[in-house]
Amino acid sequence: MKKKVEDTLVRSVELENQANKLMRRGTDQEPGLATQQLKGVEKQMSLEIAAREKKIQSRDRRIKDL
């Protein structure tokens, strides 16, 4: 369990760093392209968070049923 939390935190930091790079690049190059890529990163982050929450809820239900 602790390992999964650490992996999730590492992944979220990686995605945040990627988003920050896109923001910096967007100010130098095409702002529209960077914004579009940033939205993709945000969507990926939200999908990963939702999947993790669903797994946690499922696990909690199984524990409750025991």
PDB file of N, CA and C in Angstrom:
ATOM      1  N   MET A   1       0.835  -1.197   0.000  1.00  0.00           N
ATOM      2  CA  MET A   1       0.000   0.000   0.000  1.00  0.00           C
ATOM      3  C   MET A   1       0.875   1.254   0.000  1.00  0.00           C
ATOM      4  N   LYS A   2       1.881   1.258   0.892  1.00  0.00           N
ATOM      5  CA  LYS A   2       2.761   2.426   0.983  1.00  0.00           C
ATOM      6  C   LYS A   2       3.495   2.648  -0.336  1.00  0.00           C
ATOM      7  N   LYS A   3       3.892   1.556  -0.980  1.00  0.00           N
ATOM      8  CA  LYS A   3       4.604   1.643  -2.259  1.00  0.00           C
ATOM      9  C   LYS A   3       3.710   2.275  -3.329  1.00  0.00           C
ATOM     10  N   LYS A   4       2.422   1.902  -3.347  1.00  0.00           N
ATOM     11  CA  LYS A   4       1.495   2.449  -4.339  1.00  0.00           C
ATOM     12  C   LYS A   4       1.309   3.946  -4.137  1.00  0.00           C
ATOM     13  N   VAL A   5       1.232   4.375  -2.884  1.00  0.00           N
ATOM     14  CA  VAL A   5       1.084   5.801  -2.597  1.00  0.00           C
ATOM     15  C   VAL A   5       2.322   6.551  -3.068  1.00  0.00           C
ATOM     16  N   GLU A   6       3.501   5.983  -2.784  1.00  0.00           N
ATOM     17  CA  GLU A   6       4.741   6.610  -3.231  1.00  0.00           C
ATOM     18  C   GLU A   6       4.795   6.688  -4.755  1.00  0.00           C
ATOM     19  N   ASP A   7       4.396   5.620  -5.439  1.00  0.00           N
ATOM     20  CA  ASP A   7       4.385   5.607  -6.905  1.00  0.00           C
ATOM     21  C   ASP A   7       3.437   6.673  -7.453  1.00  0.00           C
ATOM     22  N   THR A   8       2.279   6.803  -6.814  1.00  0.00           N
ATOM     23  CA  THR A   8       1.311   7.804  -7.251  1.00  0.00           C
ATOM     24  C   THR A   8       1.870   9.205  -7.071  1.00  0.00           C
ATOM     25  N   LEU A   9       2.521   9.439  -5.942  1.00  0.00           N
ATOM     26  CA  LEU A   9       3.104  10.762  -5.694  1.00  0.00           C
ATOM     27  C   LEU A   9       4.216  11.066  -6.692  1.00  0.00           C
ATOM     28  N   VAL A  10       5.039  10.083  -6.981  1.00  0.00           N
ATOM     29  CA  VAL A  10       6.119  10.273  -7.955  1.00  0.00           C
ATOM     30  C   VAL A  10       5.527  10.593  -9.317  1.00  0.00           C
ATOM     31  N   ARG A  11       4.506   9.857  -9.713  1.00  0.00           N
ATOM     32  CA  ARG A  11       3.872  10.077 -11.027  1.00  0.00           C
ATOM     33  C   ARG A  11       3.251  11.473 -11.101  1.00  0.00           C
ATOM     34  N   SER A  12       2.603  11.903 -10.010  1.00  0.00           N
ATOM     35  CA  SER A  12       1.984  13.228 -10.044  1.00  0.00           C
ATOM     36  C   SER A  12       3.036  14.323 -10.128  1.00  0.00           C
ATOM     37  N   VAL A  13       4.182  14.121  -9.480  1.00  0.00           N
ATOM     38  CA  VAL A  13       5.270  15.099  -9.575  1.00  0.00           C
ATOM     39  C   VAL A  13       5.823  15.126 -10.995  1.00  0.00           C
ATOM     40  N   GLU A  14       5.960  13.957 -11.612  1.00  0.00           N
ATOM     41  CA  GLU A  14       6.444  13.898 -12.998  1.00  0.00           C
ATOM     42  C   GLU A  14       5.495  14.642 -13.937  1.00  0.00           C
ATOM     43  N   LEU A  15       4.195  14.423 -13.772  1.00  0.00           N
ATOM     44  CA  LEU A  15       3.220  15.096 -14.618  1.00  0.00           C
ATOM     45  C   LEU A  15       3.218  16.608 -14.368  1.00  0.00           C
ATOM     46  N   GLU A  16       3.398  16.993 -13.112  1.00  0.00           N
ATOM     47  CA  GLU A  16       3.449  18.420 -12.792  1.00  0.00           C
ATOM     48  C   GLU A  16       4.682  19.066 -13.427  1.00  0.00           C
ATOM     49  N   ASN A  17       5.819  18.369 -13.369  1.00  0.00           N
ATOM     50  CA  ASN A  17       7.033  18.881 -14.004  1.00  0.00           C
ATOM     51  C   ASN A  17       6.846  19.015 -15.513  1.00  0.00           C
ATOM     52  N   GLN A  18       6.194  18.023 -16.112  1.00  0.00           N
ATOM     53  CA  GLN A  18       5.918  18.074 -17.545  1.00  0.00           C
ATOM     54  C   GLN A  18       5.027  19.271 -17.871  1.00  0.00           C
ATOM     55  N   ALA A  19       4.039  19.503 -17.046  1.00  0.00           N
ATOM     56  CA  ALA A  19       3.150  20.648 -17.258  1.00  0.00           C
ATOM     57  C   ALA A  19       3.916  21.962 -17.137  1.00  0.00           C
ATOM     58  N   ASN A  20       4.804  22.048 -16.166  1.00  0.00           N
ATOM     59  CA  ASN A  20       5.601  23.271 -15.996  1.00  0.00           C
ATOM     60  C   ASN A  20       6.509  23.518 -17.204  1.00  0.00           C
ATOM     61  N   LYS A  21       7.100  22.460 -17.733  1.00  0.00           N
ATOM     62  CA  LYS A  21       7.939  22.600 -18.930  1.00  0.00           C
ATOM     63  C   LYS A  21       7.114  23.113 -20.106  1.00  0.00           C
ATOM     64  N   LEU A  22       5.918  22.570 -20.254  1.00  0.00           N
ATOM     65  CA  LEU A  22       5.039  23.002 -21.342  1.00  0.00           C
ATOM     66  C   LEU A  22       4.649  24.471 -21.175  1.00  0.00           C
ATOM     67  N   MET A  23       4.417  24.886 -19.952  1.00  0.00           N
ATOM     68  CA  MET A  23       4.060  26.288 -19.708  1.00  0.00           C
ATOM     69  C   MET A  23       5.212  27.210 -20.106  1.00  0.00           C
ATOM     70  N   ARG A  24       6.430  26.850 -19.707  1.00  0.00           N
ATOM     71  CA  ARG A  24       7.590  27.679 -20.055  1.00  0.00           C
ATOM     72  C   ARG A  24       7.806  27.715 -21.564  1.00  0.00           C
ATOM     73  N   ARG A  25       7.707  26.557 -22.190  1.00  0.00           N
ATOM     74  CA  ARG A  25       7.898  26.478 -23.637  1.00  0.00           C
ATOM     75  C   ARG A  25       6.803  27.256 -24.366  1.00  0.00           C
ATOM     76  N   GLY A  26       5.605  27.210 -23.833  1.00  0.00           N
ATOM     77  CA  GLY A  26       4.481  27.897 -24.459  1.00  0.00           C
ATOM     78  C   GLY A  26       4.658  29.399 -24.493  1.00  0.00           C
ATOM     79  N   THR A  27       5.318  29.949 -23.493  1.00  0.00           N
ATOM     80  CA  THR A  27       5.526  31.401 -23.496  1.00  0.00           C
ATOM     81  C   THR A  27       6.562  31.789 -24.536  1.00  0.00           C
ATOM     82  N   ASP A  28       7.467  30.864 -24.862  1.00  0.00           N
ATOM     83  CA  ASP A  28       8.507  31.150 -25.846  1.00  0.00           C
ATOM     84  C   ASP A  28       8.060  30.861 -27.276  1.00  0.00           C
ATOM     85  N   GLN A  29       7.230  29.839 -27.439  1.00  0.00           N
ATOM     86  CA  GLN A  29       6.842  29.419 -28.784  1.00  0.00           C
ATOM     87  C   GLN A  29       5.361  29.709 -29.014  1.00  0.00           C
ATOM     88  N   GLU A  30       4.641  28.693 -29.392  1.00  0.00           N
ATOM     89  CA  GLU A  30       3.221  28.847 -29.698  1.00  0.00           C
ATOM     90  C   GLU A  30       2.388  28.648 -28.431  1.00  0.00           C
ATOM     91  N   PRO A  31       1.802  29.707 -27.901  1.00  0.00           N
ATOM     92  CA  PRO A  31       1.004  29.567 -26.681  1.00  0.00           C
ATOM     93  C   PRO A  31      -0.184  28.610 -26.848  1.00  0.00           C
ATOM     94  N   GLY A  32      -0.794  28.587 -28.018  1.00  0.00           N
ATOM     95  CA  GLY A  32      -1.946  27.712 -28.236  1.00  0.00           C
ATOM     96  C   GLY A  32      -1.579  26.241 -28.163  1.00  0.00           C
ATOM     97  N   LEU A  33      -0.427  25.900 -28.720  1.00  0.00           N
ATOM     98  CA  LEU A  33       0.026  24.511 -28.704  1.00  0.00           C
ATOM     99  C   LEU A  33       0.352  24.064 -27.280  1.00  0.00           C
ATOM    100  N   ALA A  34       1.029  24.896 -26.544  1.00  0.00           N
ATOM    101  CA  ALA A  34       1.380  24.550 -25.161  1.00  0.00           C
ATOM    102  C   ALA A  34       0.125  24.389 -24.313  1.00  0.00           C
ATOM    103  N   THR A  35      -0.851  25.249 -24.536  1.00  0.00           N
ATOM    104  CA  THR A  35      -2.104  25.157 -23.793  1.00  0.00           C
ATOM    105  C   THR A  35      -2.807  23.843 -24.097  1.00  0.00           C
ATOM    106  N   GLN A  36      -2.806  23.463 -25.343  1.00  0.00           N
ATOM    107  CA  GLN A  36      -3.440  22.204 -25.749  1.00  0.00           C
ATOM    108  C   GLN A  36      -2.713  21.019 -25.100  1.00  0.00           C
ATOM    109  N   GLN A  37      -1.388  21.032 -25.113  1.00  0.00           N
ATOM    110  CA  GLN A  37      -0.621  19.953 -24.500  1.00  0.00           C
ATOM    111  C   GLN A  37      -0.832  19.932 -22.993  1.00  0.00           C
ATOM    112  N   LEU A  38      -0.919  21.113 -22.392  1.00  0.00           N
ATOM    113  CA  LEU A  38      -1.141  21.200 -20.953  1.00  0.00           C
ATOM    114  C   LEU A  38      -2.493  20.606 -20.579  1.00  0.00           C
ATOM    115  N   LYS A  39      -3.506  20.865 -21.379  1.00  0.00           N
ATOM    116  CA  LYS A  39      -4.825  20.287 -21.120  1.00  0.00           C
ATOM    117  C   LYS A  39      -4.763  18.761 -21.188  1.00  0.00           C
ATOM    118  N   GLY A  40      -3.962  18.235 -22.121  1.00  0.00           N
ATOM    119  CA  GLY A  40      -3.787  16.789 -22.212  1.00  0.00           C
ATOM    120  C   GLY A  40      -3.142  16.224 -20.969  1.00  0.00           C
ATOM    121  N   VAL A  41      -2.138  16.920 -20.442  1.00  0.00           N
ATOM    122  CA  VAL A  41      -1.465  16.475 -19.215  1.00  0.00           C
ATOM    123  C   VAL A  41      -2.443  16.529 -18.041  1.00  0.00           C
ATOM    124  N   GLU A  42      -3.224  17.598 -17.955  1.00  0.00           N
ATOM    125  CA  GLU A  42      -4.202  17.714 -16.873  1.00  0.00           C
ATOM    126  C   GLU A  42      -5.239  16.597 -16.954  1.00  0.00           C
ATOM    127  N   LYS A  43      -5.674  16.289 -18.167  1.00  0.00           N
ATOM    128  CA  LYS A  43      -6.657  15.220 -18.341  1.00  0.00           C
ATOM    129  C   LYS A  43      -6.060  13.881 -17.907  1.00  0.00           C
ATOM    130  N   GLN A  44      -4.807  13.639 -18.282  1.00  0.00           N
ATOM    131  CA  GLN A  44      -4.132  12.400 -17.894  1.00  0.00           C
ATOM    132  C   GLN A  44      -4.019  12.308 -16.371  1.00  0.00           C
ATOM    133  N   MET A  45      -3.670  13.420 -15.734  1.00  0.00           N
ATOM    134  CA  MET A  45      -3.569  13.440 -14.273  1.00  0.00           C
ATOM    135  C   MET A  45      -4.912  13.113 -13.642  1.00  0.00           C
ATOM    136  N   SER A  46      -5.978  13.727 -14.138  1.00  0.00           N
ATOM    137  CA  SER A  46      -7.286  13.491 -13.549  1.00  0.00           C
ATOM    138  C   SER A  46      -7.750  12.054 -13.768  1.00  0.00           C
ATOM    139  N   LEU A  47      -7.431  11.482 -14.930  1.00  0.00           N
ATOM    140  CA  LEU A  47      -7.790  10.088 -15.178  1.00  0.00           C
ATOM    141  C   LEU A  47      -7.040   9.143 -14.244  1.00  0.00           C
ATOM    142  N   GLU A  48      -5.765   9.405 -14.029  1.00  0.00           N
ATOM    143  CA  GLU A  48      -4.977   8.564 -13.134  1.00  0.00           C
ATOM    144  C   GLU A  48      -5.469   8.688 -11.696  1.00  0.00           C
ATOM    145  N   ILE A  49      -5.816   9.883 -11.278  1.00  0.00           N
ATOM    146  CA  ILE A  49      -6.328  10.086  -9.923  1.00  0.00           C
ATOM    147  C   ILE A  49      -7.664   9.374  -9.751  1.00  0.00           C
ATOM    148  N   ALA A  50      -8.535   9.487 -10.741  1.00  0.00           N
ATOM    149  CA  ALA A  50      -9.846   8.830 -10.672  1.00  0.00           C
ATOM    150  C   ALA A  50      -9.690   7.309 -10.612  1.00  0.00           C
ATOM    151  N   ALA A  51      -8.774   6.775 -11.395  1.00  0.00           N
ATOM    152  CA  ALA A  51      -8.547   5.327 -11.389  1.00  0.00           C
ATOM    153  C   ALA A  51      -8.030   4.871 -10.023  1.00  0.00           C
ATOM    154  N   ARG A  52      -7.124   5.634  -9.457  1.00  0.00           N
ATOM    155  CA  ARG A  52      -6.573   5.296  -8.140  1.00  0.00           C
ATOM    156  C   ARG A  52      -7.661   5.360  -7.066  1.00  0.00           C
ATOM    157  N   GLU A  53      -8.511   6.390  -7.117  1.00  0.00           N
ATOM    158  CA  GLU A  53      -9.602   6.515  -6.147  1.00  0.00           C
ATOM    159  C   GLU A  53     -10.585   5.363  -6.284  1.00  0.00           C
ATOM    160  N   LYS A  54     -10.858   4.958  -7.514  1.00  0.00           N
ATOM    161  CA  LYS A  54     -11.778   3.839  -7.737  1.00  0.00           C
ATOM    162  C   LYS A  54     -11.216   2.555  -7.139  1.00  0.00           C
ATOM    163  N   LYS A  55      -9.911   2.332  -7.314  1.00  0.00           N
ATOM    164  CA  LYS A  55      -9.278   1.151  -6.736  1.00  0.00           C
ATOM    165  C   LYS A  55      -9.355   1.183  -5.216  1.00  0.00           C
ATOM    166  N   ILE A  56      -9.135   2.347  -4.637  1.00  0.00           N
ATOM    167  CA  ILE A  56      -9.179   2.483  -3.183  1.00  0.00           C
ATOM    168  C   ILE A  56     -10.591   2.213  -2.673  1.00  0.00           C
ATOM    169  N   GLN A  57     -11.596   2.769  -3.349  1.00  0.00           N
ATOM    170  CA  GLN A  57     -12.981   2.537  -2.940  1.00  0.00           C
ATOM    171  C   GLN A  57     -13.344   1.064  -3.041  1.00  0.00           C
ATOM    172  N   SER A  58     -12.894   0.416  -4.093  1.00  0.00           N
ATOM    173  CA  SER A  58     -13.159  -1.002  -4.278  1.00  0.00           C
ATOM    174  C   SER A  58     -12.518  -1.819  -3.155  1.00  0.00           C
ATOM    175  N   ARG A  59     -11.293  -1.483  -2.837  1.00  0.00           N
ATOM    176  CA  ARG A  59     -10.589  -2.174  -1.758  1.00  0.00           C
ATOM    177  C   ARG A  59     -11.299  -1.963  -0.434  1.00  0.00           C
ATOM    178  N   ASP A  60     -11.735  -0.733  -0.174  1.00  0.00           N
ATOM    179  CA  ASP A  60     -12.428  -0.422   1.069  1.00  0.00           C
ATOM    180  C   ASP A  60     -13.732  -1.206   1.188  1.00  0.00           C
ATOM    181  N   ARG A  61     -14.449  -1.353   0.062  1.00  0.00           N
ATOM    182  CA  ARG A  61     -15.692  -2.140   0.080  1.00  0.00           C
ATOM    183  C   ARG A  61     -15.406  -3.598   0.400  1.00  0.00           C
ATOM    184  N   ARG A  62     -14.341  -4.134  -0.197  1.00  0.00           N
ATOM    185  CA  ARG A  62     -13.992  -5.536   0.080  1.00  0.00           C
ATOM    186  C   ARG A  62     -13.624  -5.719   1.548  1.00  0.00           C
ATOM    187  N   ILE A  63     -12.900  -4.773   2.115  1.00  0.00           N
ATOM    188  CA  ILE A  63     -12.512  -4.860   3.530  1.00  0.00           C
ATOM    189  C   ILE A  63     -13.761  -4.785   4.407  1.00  0.00           C
ATOM    190  N   LYS A  64     -14.681  -3.898   4.038  1.00  0.00           N
ATOM    191  CA  LYS A  64     -15.915  -3.725   4.814  1.00  0.00           C
ATOM    192  C   LYS A  64     -16.756  -4.998   4.779  1.00  0.00           C
ATOM    193  N   ASP A  65     -16.757  -5.699   3.639  1.00  0.00           N
ATOM    194  CA  ASP A  65     -17.555  -6.917   3.499  1.00  0.00           C
ATOM    195  C   ASP A  65     -16.993  -8.092   4.294  1.00  0.00           C
ATOM    196  N   LEU A  66     -15.735  -8.004   4.695  1.00  0.00           N
ATOM    197  CA  LEU A  66     -15.126  -9.119   5.438  1.00  0.00           C
ATOM    198  C   LEU A  66     -15.600  -9.209   6.852  1.00  0.00           C
TER     199      LEU A  66
END
